[in-house]
Amino acid sequence: MRSDLAPHPLNAKCRYVLTASLCISAITILELERGILDVQRRDAAQGARLRAWLENKVRPAFAGRILPVDDAIATRCAHLHIPDPRNEVDALLAATALVLGLTVVTRNVRDFEGAGVVVLDLWQG
């Protein structure tokens, strides 16, 4: 992982988050898979490193805590597109958080503006 993508090391918010309470969306897995496949096409060695990271670190770390997209999430996502269409991935992530009462942790805060979801940016120092 690039160091500029890691959360700010001094961010006090990181210290109080219990890893076991964290989860990710299946949509996040989709984004990671898509990114790794894209890198693999251009740089096999880097793609292999990213694949190992996903399979040996991410998936085990979130085993049993990868959230599916269900009917309620899909319905809430549809409502987020009216009256202004949104990026589908961001809308699905926001809908997941809204339906399940979760916080979205992202550095792309602007992508979730107006969605009514609580957002936490751990990348701000």
N, C-alpha and C. Protein backbone atom coordinates (compact mmCIF):
# COMPACT_ATOMS: atom_id res chain seq x y z
N MET A 1 0.85 -1.17 0.00
CA MET A 1 0.00 0.00 0.00
C MET A 1 0.90 1.23 0.00
N ARG A 2 0.49 2.26 -0.72
CA ARG A 2 1.25 3.51 -0.76
C ARG A 2 1.14 4.20 0.58
N SER A 3 2.25 4.79 1.02
CA SER A 3 2.25 5.45 2.33
C SER A 3 1.32 6.65 2.36
N ASP A 4 1.10 7.31 1.22
CA ASP A 4 0.21 8.47 1.21
C ASP A 4 -1.26 8.07 1.32
N LEU A 5 -1.55 6.78 1.20
CA LEU A 5 -2.93 6.31 1.34
C LEU A 5 -3.22 5.79 2.75
N ALA A 6 -2.18 5.63 3.55
CA ALA A 6 -2.37 5.14 4.92
C ALA A 6 -2.90 6.26 5.80
N PRO A 7 -3.71 5.93 6.81
CA PRO A 7 -4.19 6.97 7.72
C PRO A 7 -3.03 7.69 8.38
N HIS A 8 -3.22 8.95 8.67
CA HIS A 8 -2.20 9.76 9.33
C HIS A 8 -1.79 9.06 10.62
N PRO A 9 -0.49 8.78 10.83
CA PRO A 9 -0.06 7.99 11.99
C PRO A 9 -0.35 8.65 13.33
N LEU A 10 -0.49 9.95 13.37
CA LEU A 10 -0.73 10.63 14.63
C LEU A 10 -2.20 10.90 14.89
N ASN A 11 -3.05 10.43 14.01
CA ASN A 11 -4.47 10.70 14.16
C ASN A 11 -5.01 9.97 15.38
N ALA A 12 -5.39 10.74 16.39
CA ALA A 12 -5.86 10.16 17.65
C ALA A 12 -7.10 9.31 17.47
N LYS A 13 -7.90 9.61 16.44
CA LYS A 13 -9.13 8.84 16.22
C LYS A 13 -8.81 7.37 15.98
N CYS A 14 -7.67 7.09 15.35
CA CYS A 14 -7.29 5.71 15.04
C CYS A 14 -7.05 4.89 16.29
N ARG A 15 -6.60 5.51 17.35
CA ARG A 15 -6.22 4.79 18.56
C ARG A 15 -7.40 4.15 19.27
N TYR A 16 -8.58 4.69 19.07
CA TYR A 16 -9.74 4.25 19.83
C TYR A 16 -10.70 3.35 19.05
N VAL A 17 -10.33 3.01 17.85
CA VAL A 17 -11.18 2.15 17.04
C VAL A 17 -10.80 0.70 17.30
N LEU A 18 -11.76 -0.09 17.72
CA LEU A 18 -11.51 -1.51 17.94
C LEU A 18 -11.59 -2.22 16.60
N THR A 19 -10.51 -2.89 16.23
CA THR A 19 -10.46 -3.56 14.94
C THR A 19 -11.63 -4.52 14.76
N ALA A 20 -12.00 -5.22 15.80
CA ALA A 20 -13.09 -6.19 15.70
C ALA A 20 -14.43 -5.53 15.41
N SER A 21 -14.54 -4.22 15.62
CA SER A 21 -15.80 -3.53 15.35
C SER A 21 -15.86 -2.99 13.92
N LEU A 22 -14.79 -3.13 13.17
CA LEU A 22 -14.75 -2.63 11.80
C LEU A 22 -15.30 -3.66 10.83
N CYS A 23 -15.88 -3.18 9.75
CA CYS A 23 -16.36 -4.04 8.69
C CYS A 23 -16.14 -3.31 7.37
N ILE A 24 -16.25 -4.05 6.29
CA ILE A 24 -16.17 -3.43 4.96
C ILE A 24 -17.32 -3.97 4.12
N SER A 25 -17.61 -3.26 3.08
CA SER A 25 -18.68 -3.65 2.18
C SER A 25 -18.13 -4.58 1.09
N ALA A 26 -18.99 -5.44 0.59
CA ALA A 26 -18.62 -6.24 -0.57
C ALA A 26 -18.26 -5.32 -1.73
N ILE A 27 -18.82 -4.11 -1.73
CA ILE A 27 -18.50 -3.12 -2.76
C ILE A 27 -17.03 -2.71 -2.66
N THR A 28 -16.51 -2.65 -1.44
CA THR A 28 -15.09 -2.34 -1.25
C THR A 28 -14.24 -3.46 -1.84
N ILE A 29 -14.65 -4.70 -1.65
CA ILE A 29 -13.93 -5.83 -2.25
C ILE A 29 -13.96 -5.69 -3.77
N LEU A 30 -15.10 -5.32 -4.32
CA LEU A 30 -15.20 -5.11 -5.77
C LEU A 30 -14.20 -4.06 -6.23
N GLU A 31 -14.13 -2.94 -5.52
CA GLU A 31 -13.19 -1.88 -5.90
C GLU A 31 -11.74 -2.35 -5.80
N LEU A 32 -11.41 -3.07 -4.74
CA LEU A 32 -10.05 -3.58 -4.58
C LEU A 32 -9.71 -4.58 -5.68
N GLU A 33 -10.62 -5.49 -5.96
CA GLU A 33 -10.41 -6.48 -7.03
C GLU A 33 -10.19 -5.80 -8.38
N ARG A 34 -11.04 -4.84 -8.68
CA ARG A 34 -10.94 -4.12 -9.95
C ARG A 34 -9.60 -3.40 -10.05
N GLY A 35 -9.19 -2.75 -8.96
CA GLY A 35 -7.91 -2.06 -8.96
C GLY A 35 -6.73 -3.00 -9.13
N ILE A 36 -6.77 -4.13 -8.45
CA ILE A 36 -5.69 -5.11 -8.55
C ILE A 36 -5.62 -5.68 -9.96
N LEU A 37 -6.75 -6.02 -10.53
CA LEU A 37 -6.76 -6.54 -11.90
C LEU A 37 -6.19 -5.53 -12.89
N ASP A 38 -6.50 -4.26 -12.68
CA ASP A 38 -5.97 -3.21 -13.54
C ASP A 38 -4.46 -3.11 -13.41
N VAL A 39 -3.96 -3.14 -12.18
CA VAL A 39 -2.51 -3.07 -11.95
C VAL A 39 -1.82 -4.30 -12.53
N GLN A 40 -2.40 -5.47 -12.36
CA GLN A 40 -1.81 -6.71 -12.88
C GLN A 40 -1.59 -6.65 -14.39
N ARG A 41 -2.46 -5.98 -15.10
CA ARG A 41 -2.32 -5.85 -16.55
C ARG A 41 -1.08 -5.05 -16.93
N ARG A 42 -0.73 -4.08 -16.09
CA ARG A 42 0.40 -3.19 -16.39
C ARG A 42 1.70 -3.59 -15.71
N ASP A 43 1.60 -4.20 -14.53
CA ASP A 43 2.79 -4.51 -13.72
C ASP A 43 2.51 -5.78 -12.93
N ALA A 44 2.96 -6.90 -13.48
CA ALA A 44 2.66 -8.20 -12.87
C ALA A 44 3.20 -8.32 -11.45
N ALA A 45 4.40 -7.80 -11.21
CA ALA A 45 5.00 -7.90 -9.88
C ALA A 45 4.20 -7.11 -8.85
N GLN A 46 3.85 -5.88 -9.20
CA GLN A 46 3.05 -5.06 -8.28
C GLN A 46 1.66 -5.66 -8.10
N GLY A 47 1.10 -6.18 -9.17
CA GLY A 47 -0.19 -6.84 -9.08
C GLY A 47 -0.15 -8.03 -8.13
N ALA A 48 0.94 -8.80 -8.19
CA ALA A 48 1.10 -9.95 -7.30
C ALA A 48 1.20 -9.51 -5.84
N ARG A 49 1.91 -8.41 -5.59
CA ARG A 49 2.02 -7.89 -4.22
C ARG A 49 0.65 -7.45 -3.70
N LEU A 50 -0.09 -6.75 -4.54
CA LEU A 50 -1.43 -6.30 -4.14
C LEU A 50 -2.37 -7.49 -3.93
N ARG A 51 -2.27 -8.49 -4.79
CA ARG A 51 -3.10 -9.69 -4.65
C ARG A 51 -2.79 -10.38 -3.32
N ALA A 52 -1.50 -10.50 -3.00
CA ALA A 52 -1.11 -11.13 -1.72
C ALA A 52 -1.64 -10.32 -0.54
N TRP A 53 -1.57 -9.00 -0.63
CA TRP A 53 -2.09 -8.13 0.43
C TRP A 53 -3.59 -8.36 0.63
N LEU A 54 -4.34 -8.40 -0.48
CA LEU A 54 -5.78 -8.62 -0.38
C LEU A 54 -6.11 -9.99 0.22
N GLU A 55 -5.46 -11.02 -0.30
CA GLU A 55 -5.78 -12.38 0.12
C GLU A 55 -5.24 -12.74 1.50
N ASN A 56 -4.07 -12.20 1.85
CA ASN A 56 -3.43 -12.58 3.11
C ASN A 56 -3.65 -11.61 4.26
N LYS A 57 -4.06 -10.39 3.94
CA LYS A 57 -4.26 -9.38 4.98
C LYS A 57 -5.72 -8.93 5.07
N VAL A 58 -6.23 -8.40 3.97
CA VAL A 58 -7.56 -7.79 4.00
C VAL A 58 -8.66 -8.82 4.26
N ARG A 59 -8.73 -9.83 3.41
CA ARG A 59 -9.81 -10.82 3.58
C ARG A 59 -9.78 -11.49 4.96
N PRO A 60 -8.61 -11.95 5.44
CA PRO A 60 -8.60 -12.54 6.79
C PRO A 60 -8.96 -11.53 7.88
N ALA A 61 -8.51 -10.30 7.74
CA ALA A 61 -8.78 -9.28 8.76
C ALA A 61 -10.27 -9.00 8.89
N PHE A 62 -11.00 -9.14 7.78
CA PHE A 62 -12.43 -8.84 7.79
C PHE A 62 -13.30 -10.09 7.63
N ALA A 63 -12.73 -11.25 7.88
CA ALA A 63 -13.49 -12.50 7.75
C ALA A 63 -14.75 -12.43 8.62
N GLY A 64 -15.88 -12.70 8.00
CA GLY A 64 -17.15 -12.64 8.71
C GLY A 64 -17.70 -11.23 8.88
N ARG A 65 -16.96 -10.23 8.37
CA ARG A 65 -17.39 -8.83 8.52
C ARG A 65 -17.35 -8.10 7.18
N ILE A 66 -17.64 -8.83 6.11
CA ILE A 66 -17.78 -8.21 4.79
C ILE A 66 -19.28 -8.14 4.52
N LEU A 67 -19.78 -6.92 4.44
CA LEU A 67 -21.22 -6.68 4.37
C LEU A 67 -21.76 -6.83 2.96
N PRO A 68 -22.80 -7.65 2.78
CA PRO A 68 -23.41 -7.81 1.46
C PRO A 68 -24.35 -6.66 1.14
N VAL A 69 -24.68 -6.54 -0.13
CA VAL A 69 -25.72 -5.60 -0.56
C VAL A 69 -27.02 -6.40 -0.63
N ASP A 70 -27.99 -6.01 0.19
CA ASP A 70 -29.27 -6.72 0.20
C ASP A 70 -30.38 -5.83 -0.35
N ASP A 71 -31.60 -6.30 -0.25
CA ASP A 71 -32.75 -5.58 -0.79
C ASP A 71 -32.91 -4.20 -0.17
N ALA A 72 -32.77 -4.10 1.15
CA ALA A 72 -32.93 -2.81 1.83
C ALA A 72 -31.86 -1.82 1.39
N ILE A 73 -30.64 -2.30 1.23
CA ILE A 73 -29.54 -1.43 0.79
C ILE A 73 -29.75 -1.00 -0.65
N ALA A 74 -30.16 -1.92 -1.51
CA ALA A 74 -30.42 -1.57 -2.91
C ALA A 74 -31.53 -0.53 -3.02
N THR A 75 -32.58 -0.69 -2.23
CA THR A 75 -33.68 0.27 -2.25
C THR A 75 -33.23 1.64 -1.76
N ARG A 76 -32.49 1.66 -0.67
CA ARG A 76 -31.98 2.95 -0.14
C ARG A 76 -31.05 3.60 -1.15
N CYS A 77 -30.24 2.80 -1.83
CA CYS A 77 -29.33 3.32 -2.86
C CYS A 77 -30.12 4.00 -3.98
N ALA A 78 -31.20 3.39 -4.41
CA ALA A 78 -32.02 3.99 -5.47
C ALA A 78 -32.53 5.36 -5.05
N HIS A 79 -32.94 5.49 -3.79
CA HIS A 79 -33.44 6.78 -3.29
C HIS A 79 -32.35 7.84 -3.23
N LEU A 80 -31.10 7.43 -3.07
CA LEU A 80 -30.00 8.39 -3.03
C LEU A 80 -29.73 9.02 -4.40
N HIS A 81 -30.22 8.39 -5.46
CA HIS A 81 -30.00 8.90 -6.82
C HIS A 81 -31.03 9.96 -7.24
N ILE A 82 -32.06 10.17 -6.44
CA ILE A 82 -33.13 11.11 -6.79
C ILE A 82 -33.10 12.28 -5.81
N PRO A 83 -33.06 13.51 -6.23
CA PRO A 83 -33.20 13.99 -7.60
C PRO A 83 -31.87 14.07 -8.36
N ASP A 84 -30.75 13.90 -7.65
CA ASP A 84 -29.44 14.04 -8.31
C ASP A 84 -28.71 12.71 -8.35
N PRO A 85 -28.45 12.19 -9.55
CA PRO A 85 -27.73 10.92 -9.66
C PRO A 85 -26.36 11.00 -8.99
N ARG A 86 -25.95 9.90 -8.39
CA ARG A 86 -24.65 9.80 -7.72
C ARG A 86 -23.84 8.69 -8.38
N ASN A 87 -22.57 8.67 -8.05
CA ASN A 87 -21.72 7.55 -8.43
C ASN A 87 -22.30 6.29 -7.77
N GLU A 88 -22.48 5.23 -8.53
CA GLU A 88 -23.14 4.02 -8.03
C GLU A 88 -22.41 3.40 -6.84
N VAL A 89 -21.09 3.31 -6.93
CA VAL A 89 -20.31 2.73 -5.84
C VAL A 89 -20.49 3.54 -4.56
N ASP A 90 -20.35 4.85 -4.67
CA ASP A 90 -20.50 5.71 -3.49
C ASP A 90 -21.92 5.62 -2.92
N ALA A 91 -22.91 5.56 -3.80
CA ALA A 91 -24.30 5.45 -3.35
C ALA A 91 -24.54 4.13 -2.63
N LEU A 92 -23.96 3.04 -3.12
CA LEU A 92 -24.11 1.75 -2.45
C LEU A 92 -23.42 1.75 -1.08
N LEU A 93 -22.25 2.36 -1.00
CA LEU A 93 -21.55 2.44 0.29
C LEU A 93 -22.35 3.30 1.27
N ALA A 94 -22.86 4.43 0.80
CA ALA A 94 -23.65 5.31 1.66
C ALA A 94 -24.93 4.60 2.11
N ALA A 95 -25.59 3.92 1.19
CA ALA A 95 -26.82 3.20 1.53
C ALA A 95 -26.56 2.11 2.57
N THR A 96 -25.45 1.41 2.43
CA THR A 96 -25.09 0.38 3.40
C THR A 96 -24.95 0.99 4.78
N ALA A 97 -24.23 2.11 4.86
CA ALA A 97 -24.03 2.78 6.15
C ALA A 97 -25.36 3.28 6.72
N LEU A 98 -26.20 3.84 5.88
CA LEU A 98 -27.49 4.37 6.35
C LEU A 98 -28.40 3.26 6.87
N VAL A 99 -28.51 2.18 6.12
CA VAL A 99 -29.40 1.08 6.51
C VAL A 99 -28.92 0.41 7.80
N LEU A 100 -27.60 0.26 7.93
CA LEU A 100 -27.05 -0.47 9.08
C LEU A 100 -26.63 0.44 10.23
N GLY A 101 -26.79 1.76 10.06
CA GLY A 101 -26.41 2.70 11.12
C GLY A 101 -24.92 2.77 11.35
N LEU A 102 -24.15 2.74 10.28
CA LEU A 102 -22.69 2.74 10.36
C LEU A 102 -22.10 4.07 9.92
N THR A 103 -20.82 4.24 10.17
CA THR A 103 -20.06 5.40 9.73
C THR A 103 -19.20 5.00 8.55
N VAL A 104 -19.13 5.84 7.52
CA VAL A 104 -18.25 5.60 6.38
C VAL A 104 -16.89 6.21 6.72
N VAL A 105 -15.85 5.39 6.65
CA VAL A 105 -14.49 5.87 6.85
C VAL A 105 -13.85 5.98 5.47
N THR A 106 -13.50 7.22 5.09
CA THR A 106 -12.98 7.47 3.74
C THR A 106 -12.19 8.76 3.73
N ARG A 107 -11.30 8.86 2.76
CA ARG A 107 -10.62 10.13 2.56
C ARG A 107 -11.37 10.97 1.52
N ASN A 108 -12.35 10.36 0.86
CA ASN A 108 -13.13 11.04 -0.17
C ASN A 108 -14.45 11.55 0.41
N VAL A 109 -14.35 12.45 1.36
CA VAL A 109 -15.51 12.97 2.08
C VAL A 109 -16.52 13.60 1.12
N ARG A 110 -16.04 14.31 0.12
CA ARG A 110 -16.94 15.00 -0.82
C ARG A 110 -17.87 14.04 -1.54
N ASP A 111 -17.42 12.80 -1.75
CA ASP A 111 -18.26 11.83 -2.46
C ASP A 111 -19.53 11.48 -1.70
N PHE A 112 -19.57 11.80 -0.41
CA PHE A 112 -20.71 11.42 0.42
C PHE A 112 -21.51 12.62 0.91
N GLU A 113 -21.14 13.82 0.46
CA GLU A 113 -21.87 15.02 0.86
C GLU A 113 -23.32 14.93 0.39
N GLY A 114 -24.21 15.31 1.26
CA GLY A 114 -25.63 15.33 0.92
C GLY A 114 -26.31 13.98 0.98
N ALA A 115 -25.57 12.93 1.34
CA ALA A 115 -26.17 11.59 1.41
C ALA A 115 -26.79 11.31 2.77
N GLY A 116 -26.48 12.17 3.75
CA GLY A 116 -27.02 11.97 5.08
C GLY A 116 -26.30 10.93 5.91
N VAL A 117 -25.13 10.55 5.46
CA VAL A 117 -24.36 9.52 6.15
C VAL A 117 -23.25 10.17 6.99
N VAL A 118 -22.94 9.56 8.13
CA VAL A 118 -21.84 10.04 8.96
C VAL A 118 -20.54 9.58 8.31
N VAL A 119 -19.60 10.53 8.13
CA VAL A 119 -18.33 10.24 7.47
C VAL A 119 -17.19 10.60 8.40
N LEU A 120 -16.17 9.75 8.42
CA LEU A 120 -14.97 9.97 9.22
C LEU A 120 -13.77 9.89 8.31
N ASP A 121 -12.94 10.94 8.30
CA ASP A 121 -11.73 10.98 7.48
C ASP A 121 -10.52 10.82 8.39
N LEU A 122 -9.96 9.62 8.43
CA LEU A 122 -8.79 9.34 9.26
C LEU A 122 -7.49 9.81 8.61
N TRP A 123 -7.57 10.27 7.38
CA TRP A 123 -6.37 10.67 6.65
C TRP A 123 -6.02 12.13 6.89
N GLN A 124 -6.86 12.86 7.58
CA GLN A 124 -6.57 14.25 7.92
C GLN A 124 -5.71 14.27 9.17
N GLY A 125 -4.62 15.01 9.10
CA GLY A 125 -3.71 15.07 10.25
C GLY A 125 -4.19 15.99 11.33
